[in-house]
Protein backbone atom coordinates (compact mmCIF):
# COMPACT_ATOMS: atom_id res chain seq x y z
CA MET A 1 36.12 55.97 -109.05
CA GLN A 2 34.82 55.01 -105.40
CA SER A 3 38.26 52.81 -104.89
CA LEU A 4 40.25 56.19 -105.92
CA ILE A 5 38.30 58.40 -103.57
CA LYS A 6 38.82 55.67 -100.66
CA ASN A 7 42.18 55.89 -101.61
CA LEU A 8 42.34 59.76 -101.51
CA GLU A 9 40.63 59.56 -98.04
CA LYS A 10 42.92 57.17 -96.56
CA MET A 11 45.87 59.17 -97.81
CA GLY A 12 43.84 62.22 -96.14
CA PHE A 13 42.93 65.29 -98.49
CA GLU A 14 45.43 67.70 -96.23
CA LYS A 15 48.30 65.43 -97.15
CA ILE A 16 47.22 65.55 -100.46
CA LYS A 17 46.80 69.45 -100.48
CA GLN A 18 50.36 69.51 -99.28
CA LYS A 19 51.98 67.39 -102.04
CA ASN A 20 50.66 69.40 -104.26
CA LEU A 21 52.01 72.46 -103.18
CA ILE A 22 55.56 71.47 -102.33
CA ILE A 23 54.88 70.05 -106.38
CA PHE A 24 54.07 73.61 -107.18
CA ARG A 25 57.01 75.40 -104.98
CA ASN A 26 59.35 73.06 -107.25
CA ALA A 27 57.94 73.88 -110.31
CA LYS A 28 58.59 77.62 -109.65
CA MET A 29 61.91 76.56 -108.67
CA LEU A 30 62.24 74.57 -111.50
CA LEU A 31 61.04 77.42 -114.13
CA ARG A 32 63.49 79.60 -111.87
CA LEU A 33 66.49 77.73 -112.66
CA ILE A 34 65.28 77.07 -116.35
CA ASN A 35 65.02 80.65 -116.89
CA GLN A 36 68.45 81.24 -115.20
CA LEU A 37 69.98 78.74 -117.96
CA MET A 38 68.18 80.64 -120.70
CA ASP A 39 69.49 84.00 -119.80
CA PHE A 40 72.99 82.47 -119.24
CA ARG A 41 72.80 81.09 -122.69
CA LYS A 42 71.81 84.61 -123.76
CA LEU A 43 74.68 86.18 -121.93
CA GLU A 44 77.37 83.76 -123.19
CA GLN A 45 76.32 84.09 -126.71
CA GLU A 46 76.30 87.94 -126.36
CA LYS A 47 72.23 87.96 -127.43
CA MET A 48 71.46 89.60 -124.40
CA THR A 49 70.71 93.25 -124.74
CA LEU A 50 70.02 96.01 -122.10
CA LYS A 51 66.92 98.28 -121.97
CA ALA A 52 67.91 100.91 -119.96
CA CYS A 53 65.36 103.98 -118.79
CA ARG A 54 65.26 106.52 -116.26
CA GLY A 55 63.18 105.72 -112.94
CA ASN A 56 63.25 105.61 -109.20
CA LEU A 57 65.66 102.76 -108.46
CA TYR A 58 64.80 103.18 -104.51
CA LEU A 59 61.11 102.15 -105.83
CA SER A 60 62.28 99.07 -107.59
CA LEU A 61 64.66 97.76 -105.19
CA LYS A 62 62.00 98.25 -102.45
CA GLU A 63 59.72 96.38 -104.68
CA ILE A 64 62.23 93.53 -104.64
CA PHE A 65 62.45 93.92 -101.00
CA GLU A 66 58.87 93.33 -100.03
CA SER A 67 58.72 90.25 -102.20
CA PHE A 68 61.10 88.64 -99.64
CA GLU A 69 59.29 89.86 -96.30
CA GLU A 70 57.15 86.71 -96.26
CA ILE A 71 60.05 84.40 -96.01
CA ALA A 72 61.48 86.63 -93.52
CA TYR A 73 58.32 86.48 -91.62
CA GLN A 74 58.32 82.75 -91.52
CA LYS A 75 62.21 82.53 -90.92
CA GLU A 76 62.21 85.24 -88.15
CA ILE A 77 65.04 86.82 -90.00
CA GLU A 78 65.40 90.51 -89.50
CA PHE A 79 64.99 91.78 -92.57
CA THR A 80 65.88 95.55 -92.86
CA PHE A 81 66.18 98.20 -96.17
CA LYS A 82 68.18 101.36 -95.81
CA SER A 83 68.87 104.19 -98.32
CA TYR A 84 70.38 107.51 -98.77
CA SER A 85 67.12 108.61 -100.07
CA ARG A 86 64.13 107.29 -101.50
CA ASN A 87 64.04 109.17 -104.58
CA ILE A 88 66.90 108.05 -106.71
CA GLU A 89 66.67 108.66 -110.33
CA PHE A 90 68.91 106.46 -112.19
CA TRP A 91 69.22 104.67 -115.44
CA TYR A 92 69.13 100.84 -115.28
CA ASP A 93 67.20 98.13 -116.97
CA ALA A 94 64.61 97.39 -114.19
CA GLU A 95 64.28 93.38 -115.57
CA LYS A 96 67.77 92.67 -114.86
CA ILE A 97 68.24 94.77 -111.86
CA GLU A 98 65.14 92.44 -110.34
CA LYS A 99 67.21 89.36 -111.36
CA ILE A 100 70.36 90.76 -109.59
CA PHE A 101 69.00 91.30 -106.26
CA TYR A 102 66.43 88.30 -106.84
CA ASN A 103 69.56 85.91 -106.96
CA LEU A 104 71.76 87.68 -104.02
CA LEU A 105 68.81 87.93 -101.73
CA SER A 106 67.72 84.39 -102.71
CA ASN A 107 71.17 83.09 -101.91
CA ALA A 108 70.95 85.12 -98.40
CA PHE A 109 67.84 83.72 -97.70
CA ASN A 110 68.81 80.29 -98.47
CA TYR A 111 72.38 79.99 -96.43
CA THR A 112 70.95 82.27 -93.75
CA ARG A 113 69.83 80.28 -90.62
CA ASN A 114 66.44 81.07 -88.65
CA CYS A 115 66.57 84.45 -86.42
CA GLY A 116 69.75 85.74 -88.26
CA LEU A 117 69.89 88.68 -90.15
CA ILE A 118 69.52 90.14 -93.85
CA GLN A 119 69.96 93.75 -95.20
CA ILE A 120 69.91 95.82 -98.24
CA THR A 121 71.98 99.16 -98.19
CA ILE A 122 71.61 102.06 -101.16
CA LYS A 123 74.92 104.38 -100.51
CA ASP A 124 76.18 107.15 -102.45
CA PRO A 125 79.89 107.67 -101.51
CA GLY A 126 80.02 111.00 -103.58
CA ASN A 127 81.96 109.16 -106.50
CA GLU A 128 80.80 107.87 -109.90
CA PHE A 129 79.21 104.67 -108.50
CA LEU A 130 75.91 104.09 -106.55
CA GLU A 131 76.71 101.47 -103.80
CA ILE A 132 73.92 98.70 -103.41
CA SER A 133 74.55 95.90 -100.81
CA VAL A 134 73.17 92.50 -99.95
CA SER A 135 74.45 91.43 -96.09
CA ASP A 136 73.86 88.71 -94.31
CA THR A 137 74.87 86.84 -90.93
CA GLY A 138 74.52 83.45 -92.98
CA ILE A 139 77.50 80.38 -93.04
CA GLY A 140 79.65 82.46 -94.69
CA ILE A 141 82.06 81.60 -97.55
CA PRO A 142 85.08 79.71 -96.98
CA ASP A 143 88.63 81.52 -97.74
CA HIS A 144 89.81 78.63 -100.30
CA ILE A 145 86.41 78.91 -102.50
CA LYS A 146 86.31 82.64 -102.89
CA GLU A 147 88.31 82.99 -106.14
CA HIS A 148 86.06 80.62 -107.76
CA ILE A 149 82.44 81.99 -106.28
CA PHE A 150 81.80 83.88 -109.70
CA GLU A 151 82.41 80.83 -112.08
CA ARG A 152 79.77 79.25 -113.70
CA PHE A 153 78.35 75.60 -112.51
CA TYR A 154 80.67 75.86 -109.36
CA GLN A 155 79.16 74.62 -106.57
CA ALA A 156 81.05 73.81 -103.34
CA LYS A 157 80.01 71.20 -101.18
CA GLU A 158 80.92 72.99 -98.25
CA ILE A 159 78.34 75.72 -99.20
CA ARG A 160 75.93 74.01 -100.88
CA ASN A 161 72.02 73.55 -99.30
CA LYS A 162 70.28 69.82 -100.18
CA ASP A 163 66.82 72.22 -99.63
CA VAL A 164 67.89 74.26 -102.50
CA GLY A 165 67.76 73.91 -106.19
CA SER A 166 70.45 75.22 -108.07
CA THR A 167 72.06 75.64 -111.44
CA GLY A 168 75.59 76.75 -110.37
CA ILE A 169 75.46 79.56 -112.30
CA GLY A 170 73.40 82.22 -110.36
CA LEU A 171 76.27 84.14 -109.25
CA ALA A 172 77.98 83.99 -112.75
CA LEU A 173 74.86 84.96 -114.40
CA THR A 174 74.48 88.04 -111.66
CA LYS A 175 78.31 89.29 -112.33
CA GLY A 176 77.37 88.99 -116.20
CA LEU A 177 74.38 91.28 -115.70
CA VAL A 178 75.78 93.64 -113.34
CA GLU A 179 78.75 93.91 -116.01
CA LEU A 180 76.12 94.70 -118.71
CA HIS A 181 75.17 97.55 -116.65
CA LYS A 182 78.68 98.51 -116.89
CA GLY A 183 79.30 98.13 -113.32
CA LYS A 184 81.06 95.75 -110.95
CA ILE A 185 80.48 93.49 -108.17
CA ASP A 186 82.66 92.40 -104.93
CA PHE A 187 81.90 90.78 -101.73
CA THR A 188 83.51 90.44 -98.47
CA SER A 189 82.96 87.29 -96.37
CA LYS A 190 84.05 85.25 -93.57
CA LYS A 191 83.19 81.50 -92.67
CA GLY A 192 80.19 81.32 -90.16
CA ALA A 193 79.92 85.16 -89.58
CA GLY A 194 78.11 86.21 -92.95
CA THR A 195 78.56 87.56 -96.36
CA LYS A 196 78.52 90.64 -97.85
CA PHE A 197 78.04 91.11 -101.80
CA THR A 198 78.09 94.90 -103.04
CA VAL A 199 77.15 96.04 -106.42
CA PHE A 200 78.58 99.17 -108.02
CA LEU A 201 76.27 100.50 -110.66
CA ARG A 202 77.47 103.75 -112.58
CA LYS A 203 75.37 106.93 -112.55
CA GLY A 204 74.32 108.67 -115.28
CA GLU A 205 73.61 107.37 -118.84
CA ASN A 206 76.55 108.36 -120.50
CA HIS A 207 77.83 104.70 -120.12
CA PHE A 208 75.19 103.13 -121.92
CA GLU A 209 75.00 103.23 -126.01
CA GLU A 210 71.94 104.66 -127.69
CA CYS A 211 70.78 101.19 -128.24
CA GLU A 212 70.67 100.05 -124.86
CA LYS A 213 68.36 103.03 -123.85
CA THR A 214 65.04 103.51 -124.04
CA ARG A 215 63.08 106.66 -123.42
CA ASP A 216 59.82 105.01 -122.79
CA SER A 217 60.00 105.74 -118.84
CA LEU A 218 56.75 105.17 -116.87
CA GLU A 219 57.36 108.08 -114.99
CA GLU A 220 57.60 110.70 -117.88
CA ILE A 221 54.35 109.12 -119.44
CA LEU A 222 52.49 109.53 -116.67
CA HIS A 223 54.11 112.98 -115.94
CA GLU A 224 51.35 115.95 -115.83
CA ARG A 225 52.73 118.10 -118.86
CA GLU A 226 51.31 121.58 -119.49
CA ILE A 227 48.07 122.14 -121.14
CA PRO A 228 49.41 123.09 -124.84
CA ASP A 229 51.23 119.41 -125.03
CA LEU A 230 48.21 117.73 -123.59
CA PRO A 231 46.22 115.42 -126.28
CA PRO A 232 42.63 116.03 -126.55
CA GLN A 233 40.30 115.32 -123.91
CA ASN A 234 38.64 111.96 -124.54
CA GLN A 235 42.08 110.42 -125.22
CA ARG A 236 43.52 111.86 -122.33
CA LYS A 237 40.95 110.93 -119.48
CA GLU A 238 40.64 107.38 -121.08
CA PHE A 239 44.29 106.60 -120.26
CA GLU A 240 44.23 108.08 -117.41
CA ILE A 241 41.43 106.14 -116.13
CA HIS A 242 42.79 102.71 -117.79
CA HIS A 243 46.12 103.15 -116.28
CA LEU A 244 44.64 104.01 -112.36
CA SER A 245 42.26 101.28 -112.33
CA SER A 246 42.39 98.51 -115.12
CA GLU A 247 42.29 95.29 -113.76
CA LYS A 248 45.97 94.34 -114.73
CA GLN A 249 47.36 97.52 -112.97
CA ALA A 250 45.11 97.33 -109.75
CA LYS A 251 46.86 96.70 -106.22
CA VAL A 252 45.27 94.44 -104.07
CA LEU A 253 46.63 93.84 -100.82
CA VAL A 254 45.69 89.99 -99.33
CA VAL A 255 45.92 90.23 -95.48
CA GLU A 256 45.57 86.45 -94.01
CA ASP A 257 47.27 84.49 -91.02
CA ASN A 258 47.09 81.02 -92.90
CA MET A 259 49.69 80.68 -95.07
CA ASP A 260 48.07 78.13 -97.40
CA LEU A 261 45.02 80.21 -98.01
CA ARG A 262 47.58 83.52 -97.98
CA ASN A 263 49.30 81.54 -101.01
CA PHE A 264 46.21 80.54 -102.93
CA LEU A 265 44.42 84.21 -103.19
CA GLN A 266 47.95 85.33 -104.02
CA ASP A 267 48.21 82.87 -106.84
CA SER A 268 44.52 83.41 -107.93
CA LEU A 269 44.55 86.77 -108.18
CA GLU A 270 48.02 87.50 -109.45
CA ASP A 271 47.12 86.90 -113.22
CA LEU A 272 45.00 89.96 -112.78
CA TYR A 273 46.51 92.08 -110.64
CA HIS A 274 49.35 93.38 -108.29
CA VAL A 275 49.51 91.41 -105.13
CA GLN A 276 50.78 92.10 -101.90
CA THR A 277 50.39 89.87 -99.03
CA ALA A 278 50.38 90.49 -95.34
CA VAL A 279 50.24 88.06 -92.13
CA ASP A 280 48.02 90.05 -89.69
CA GLY A 281 46.47 93.35 -89.35
CA LYS A 282 49.61 94.69 -88.15
CA ASP A 283 51.66 93.63 -91.04
CA ALA A 284 49.09 95.56 -93.03
CA LEU A 285 49.73 98.89 -91.57
CA ALA A 286 53.07 98.48 -91.83
CA TYR A 287 52.79 97.50 -96.00
CA LEU A 288 50.63 100.61 -96.32
CA GLN A 289 53.34 102.66 -95.43
CA TRP A 290 55.18 101.80 -99.07
CA PHE A 291 52.24 99.99 -100.60
CA GLU A 292 48.82 101.52 -101.61
CA PRO A 293 46.35 99.37 -103.24
CA ASP A 294 43.30 99.85 -104.96
CA LEU A 295 41.65 96.91 -103.11
CA LEU A 296 42.44 95.24 -99.36
CA ILE A 297 41.06 91.60 -98.70
CA SER A 298 41.19 90.64 -95.08
CA ASP A 299 40.45 87.75 -93.02
CA ILE A 300 38.50 88.57 -89.45
CA LYS A 301 40.20 86.50 -87.11
CA MET A 302 43.63 87.06 -86.92
CA PRO A 303 46.68 87.24 -83.97
CA ARG A 304 47.92 90.77 -83.20
CA MET A 305 45.18 92.71 -84.84
CA ASP A 306 42.12 91.19 -86.53
CA GLY A 307 40.48 92.29 -89.40
CA ILE A 308 37.94 94.13 -87.96
CA LYS A 309 40.27 96.48 -85.90
CA LEU A 310 42.41 96.91 -89.27
CA CYS A 311 39.06 98.04 -90.96
CA LYS A 312 38.37 100.37 -88.05
CA ARG A 313 41.72 101.97 -88.57
CA LEU A 314 41.71 102.34 -92.00
CA LYS A 315 38.51 103.76 -92.45
CA ASN A 316 38.75 106.45 -89.57
CA ASN A 317 42.18 107.52 -91.15
CA GLU A 318 42.07 109.98 -93.96
CA ASN A 319 44.78 108.79 -95.74
CA THR A 320 43.19 105.63 -96.05
CA SER A 321 39.65 106.12 -95.88
CA HIS A 322 39.26 105.39 -99.33
CA ILE A 323 40.45 101.93 -99.72
CA PRO A 324 37.95 99.65 -100.49
CA ILE A 325 37.91 96.67 -97.89
CA MET A 326 36.48 93.13 -98.50
CA MET A 327 35.94 90.93 -95.57
CA LEU A 328 36.75 87.27 -95.12
CA THR A 329 34.92 85.09 -92.53
CA SER A 330 34.09 81.69 -91.30
CA ALA A 331 31.97 83.36 -89.04
CA THR A 332 27.85 82.66 -90.43
CA SER A 333 25.90 84.89 -87.88
CA GLU A 334 24.13 88.15 -89.03
CA GLU A 335 25.65 89.81 -85.59
CA ALA A 336 29.63 89.55 -87.40
CA HIS A 337 28.16 90.40 -90.76
CA ILE A 338 26.92 93.29 -89.19
CA GLU A 339 29.85 94.06 -86.90
CA GLY A 340 32.28 94.25 -90.29
CA TYR A 341 29.91 96.42 -92.16
CA GLU A 342 29.93 98.69 -88.77
CA ALA A 343 33.54 99.10 -89.14
CA GLY A 344 33.23 100.28 -92.75
CA ALA A 345 33.68 96.84 -94.71
CA ASP A 346 32.82 97.59 -98.14
CA ALA A 347 31.79 93.77 -98.82
CA TYR A 348 31.68 90.24 -97.48
CA VAL A 349 32.57 86.94 -98.67
CA PRO A 350 32.05 84.22 -96.24
CA LYS A 351 34.36 80.97 -95.69
CA PRO A 352 34.27 78.51 -97.29
CA PHE A 353 34.04 80.35 -100.47
CA SER A 354 33.97 79.99 -104.17
CA LEU A 355 36.52 81.32 -106.01
CA ASP A 356 34.36 82.75 -109.04
CA VAL A 357 32.21 84.40 -106.51
CA LEU A 358 35.36 86.23 -104.59
CA MET A 359 36.74 87.33 -108.11
CA ALA A 360 33.42 88.66 -109.19
CA GLN A 361 33.06 90.81 -106.30
CA VAL A 362 36.64 92.12 -106.78
CA LYS A 363 35.90 93.24 -110.00
CA ALA A 364 32.70 94.62 -109.01
CA LEU A 365 34.35 96.82 -106.10
CA LEU A 366 37.29 98.00 -108.66
CA ARG A 367 34.64 98.67 -111.20
CA ARG A 368 32.47 100.70 -108.81
CA LYS A 369 35.75 102.98 -108.05
CA ASP A 370 35.95 103.70 -111.83
CA GLU A 371 32.17 104.31 -112.19
CA PHE A 372 32.73 107.08 -109.56
CA ARG A 373 35.79 108.66 -110.96
CA LYS A 374 34.23 109.08 -114.38
CA GLU A 375 30.97 110.42 -113.15
CA TYR A 376 32.63 112.74 -110.78
CA ARG A 377 34.72 114.15 -113.93
CA LYS A 378 31.19 114.82 -115.51
CA ASP A 379 29.79 116.29 -112.25
CA ILE A 380 31.45 117.33 -109.19
CA GLU A 381 28.02 117.68 -107.59
CA PHE A 382 27.86 113.57 -107.80
CA VAL A 383 29.72 113.06 -104.59
CA LEU A 384 26.81 114.61 -102.67
CA GLU A 385 24.64 111.57 -103.66
CA ASP A 386 27.23 108.71 -103.90
CA ASP A 387 26.56 106.42 -101.05
CA SER A 388 29.93 104.36 -101.71
CA LEU A 389 32.11 106.74 -100.29
CA THR A 390 33.19 107.09 -96.16
CA LEU A 391 31.93 110.40 -94.64
CA LEU A 392 35.48 111.21 -95.08
CA ASP A 393 36.04 110.80 -98.61
CA LYS A 394 32.70 113.00 -98.61
CA LYS A 395 34.49 115.78 -96.59
CA LEU A 396 37.45 116.17 -98.66
CA LEU A 397 35.71 116.34 -101.76
CA ARG A 398 33.45 118.69 -100.29
CA ARG A 399 35.70 121.07 -98.50
CA THR A 400 38.43 121.04 -101.05
CA ARG A 401 35.64 122.08 -103.65
CA GLU A 402 34.58 124.72 -101.36
CA LEU A 403 37.74 126.10 -100.59
CA ILE A 404 38.65 126.03 -104.45
CA GLU A 405 35.43 128.26 -105.22
CA GLN A 406 36.27 130.48 -102.37
CA ASN A 407 39.20 131.59 -103.81
CA ILE A 408 38.19 131.07 -107.43
CA MET A 409 39.12 134.40 -108.74
CA ASP A 410 42.69 134.18 -107.35
CA PRO A 411 44.60 133.26 -110.39
CA ASP A 412 47.72 132.15 -107.69
CA TYR A 413 45.47 129.81 -105.65
CA SER A 414 48.14 126.91 -105.75
CA VAL A 415 48.09 123.20 -104.52
CA LEU A 416 50.37 124.24 -101.71
CA LYS A 417 47.78 126.64 -100.52
CA LEU A 418 44.69 124.22 -101.11
CA ALA A 419 46.59 121.52 -99.13
CA GLY A 420 47.40 124.35 -96.12
CA ASP A 421 44.01 125.48 -95.97
CA TYR A 422 42.55 121.87 -95.78
CA GLY A 423 45.30 121.02 -93.36
CA LEU A 424 46.99 118.17 -95.29
CA SER A 425 50.27 117.93 -96.71
CA GLN A 426 50.61 118.48 -100.42
CA ASP A 427 51.71 114.88 -101.21
CA ASN A 428 49.18 113.51 -98.96
CA LEU A 429 46.22 115.59 -100.88
CA ASN A 430 47.71 114.52 -104.30
CA LYS A 431 47.94 110.90 -103.17
CA LYS A 432 44.32 111.28 -101.78
CA LEU A 433 42.44 112.67 -104.65
CA LYS A 434 44.68 110.43 -107.49
CA ALA A 435 43.07 107.82 -105.33
CA LEU A 436 39.48 108.78 -105.42
CA ILE A 437 38.77 110.47 -108.35
CA GLY A 438 41.97 109.95 -110.67
CA MET A 439 43.01 113.61 -110.88
CA THR A 440 45.93 115.31 -109.01
CA ALA A 441 45.30 118.44 -106.87
CA LYS A 442 46.34 120.50 -110.12
CA SER A 443 43.87 118.96 -112.31
CA TYR A 444 40.81 119.21 -109.93
CA ILE A 445 41.73 122.88 -109.31
CA ARG A 446 41.70 123.49 -113.03
CA SER A 447 38.58 121.08 -113.45
CA VAL A 448 36.59 122.68 -110.63
CA LYS A 449 37.50 126.44 -112.27
CA LEU A 450 36.58 125.12 -115.73
CA LYS A 451 33.14 124.00 -114.42
CA ARG A 452 32.04 127.20 -112.75
CA ALA A 453 33.12 128.75 -116.06
CA ALA A 454 31.02 126.35 -117.93
CA ARG A 455 27.76 127.03 -115.69
CA LEU A 456 28.83 130.85 -116.11
CA LEU A 457 28.49 130.62 -120.16
CA ALA A 458 25.33 128.73 -119.94
CA THR A 459 23.46 131.79 -118.63
CA GLY A 460 24.55 133.88 -121.64
CA ARG A 461 25.24 136.69 -119.31
CA TYR A 462 28.72 136.89 -119.54
CA THR A 463 31.57 137.51 -122.26
CA VAL A 464 34.31 134.99 -122.46
CA ALA A 465 36.72 137.02 -121.26
CA GLU A 466 34.63 137.95 -118.01
CA VAL A 467 34.18 134.53 -117.73
CA THR A 468 38.18 133.69 -117.81
CA TYR A 469 38.92 136.44 -115.36
CA ASP A 470 35.88 135.49 -112.63
CA VAL A 471 37.49 131.93 -112.40
CA GLY A 472 40.82 132.84 -111.91
CA PHE A 473 42.97 132.58 -115.34
CA SER A 474 44.94 135.83 -116.13
CA ASP A 475 45.65 134.32 -119.68
CA LEU A 476 42.80 134.39 -121.90
CA LYS A 477 44.58 132.13 -124.59
CA TYR A 478 45.34 129.91 -121.69
CA PHE A 479 41.67 129.82 -120.82
CA ARG A 480 40.52 128.79 -124.10
CA LYS A 481 42.89 125.84 -124.66
CA ALA A 482 41.89 124.57 -121.12
CA PHE A 483 38.66 125.06 -121.84
CA LYS A 484 38.77 122.74 -125.30
CA ASN A 485 40.72 120.35 -123.41
CA GLU A 486 38.08 120.14 -120.85
CA PHE A 487 35.17 119.93 -122.61
CA ASP A 488 35.59 119.39 -126.43
CA VAL A 489 34.38 122.79 -127.18
CA SER A 490 36.14 126.47 -127.09
CA PRO A 491 34.08 129.08 -124.84
CA SER A 492 32.70 130.66 -127.55
CA GLU A 493 31.69 127.45 -129.30
CA PHE A 494 29.88 125.98 -125.74
CA LYS A 495 27.97 129.37 -125.08
CA SER A 496 26.29 129.31 -128.59
CA LEU A 497 25.31 125.70 -128.08
CA LYS A 498 24.02 126.83 -124.96
CA ALA A 499 21.84 130.13 -126.02
C-alpha cells in the first residue's frame, strides 16, 4: 500500500485526475459511438420507429444549442442561434431530432478551428417544409468526396480528424433519421471555407402514419383546462407539485469558472436534476434569458462578474429574486460568509466540500420551495410569516393578493388586468407565480376568490348564492364546481361543516 501511495505521489495526483478525465471523456465518446452503431443497425433492419408528437421545435433546438455552448466558449467559436419565431408548433420525434442535430453540430465543432463561426438557423420559406441549417467556417468538404458524404462507413482521409472518434456512420444515420421524419437533408460546402447542412422537415402531421404519432404531448398535459375537465383537487395538486419541483424535474444552473470543478458538479448532479453550466456571472445572466432554474449554485471568485455581484443582481430583480442561490467559496472568514448572506445567498458551502453535504443542501433548498408552495395553497396569509422569501417576492404576493381582493366582485378581472395593475407583463407574472407558488395567474385569482368565499360561508351569515356574486362569479353552477375542486366539498356541505 505504501509503495502504491509513493507511486501515486511520484506521478502527481493532478496528472492522475487528468488521466481519469481523459478516460471519462473517451468512455462517453465510446458509448456515443456504440449507440450510433445500434441505432444504425435498427435503421437498416427497419426496426426503428418514429414517435412524433406536437411540441415547440424552437425550444428543442435551443436546448441542443445550449449543450454546445461550453465547447464554443472553450474554442472561442462564435456560436449563434437564429430563428424566425420562438414558438414553432411542430410534429417531430424529439429524441431523433436531438440525434440529428447533435451529429451535425458535433461535426461542425470537430472541423471548425478556434475563433471560427458556427450558426444554427431556422427558416420558414412559406412552402411545405421548414428549413433548419447548421453552418460553419470549418475546413470544408473537397468536391471529389461530396457524393460519398452520406455513405455508411465512409471516412475521407482529407477531412478525418485524428482527435475525434468516428464510426463513419454519423451522417448516414443522420440522413436516415431525417428520412424517417419524411424529410430531406442537403449540404453545400467549399474546401477551406466551411460547410452548411440543411434539414428540410415537412409541416403538419398528415405525412406520418398513425402508428408513428403519439398524443402524449407534454404541452397538452400541462395545458390548463377548464374547471369541468379538471381532476379532483387532491390528484391535480399532487401532479402539479411533482411536476414543478420533483428532484428529477428540478433545473439547476452551476456557475463555476474552473472547468474540472464545473464538470464534476454537473456530472454529480445530472442524475437527479436537469443541469446547465455557466463559466461566470455574465455568462449566467445570458443563460437566464432562456433557462429558468429552480436553484443556482455559484462560485464566489470568478472573472468578469463574481458570485456576490451575480447574487445581488438576481435578488434585486423581480424576475429572478425567487431563485435560491447556493454559494461556493474557499474563503473561510466570517466576513466572507456575511457578505454572501447580505447579498441574498440562501446557503453557503465552503471549499473543499463534501459532495454528500452539497447534495443534502441542494435537496433541502428545493424541499423548502416545495413546502412553501404546499403551505401557501392551504393559507395565502402564510407568506406574511415566511422568512425564506425575499422582500421583492413577499411584495409581489402581498400586492397581487390585495389587487385581487380589491377587485374581487368584478367577474371580468383578468390576468391581463392584474398584470397591468401590478406593473408586470402577463408572461412575466405567470412565470413568477409558477416559480413561487406553482400556480398560474389565472389559478391564483380563482384561488384567492375561493378562499374569500370559504371565509364568508364559514360565518354562516350568507347563502351560497350571495357568496357566489360577492366573490365575482357570475355563474352559480361554475362556482359550485370550482369550489368543490378547491376544497373537495360543495359550498353547501362546507357551510354545514363550519356551522
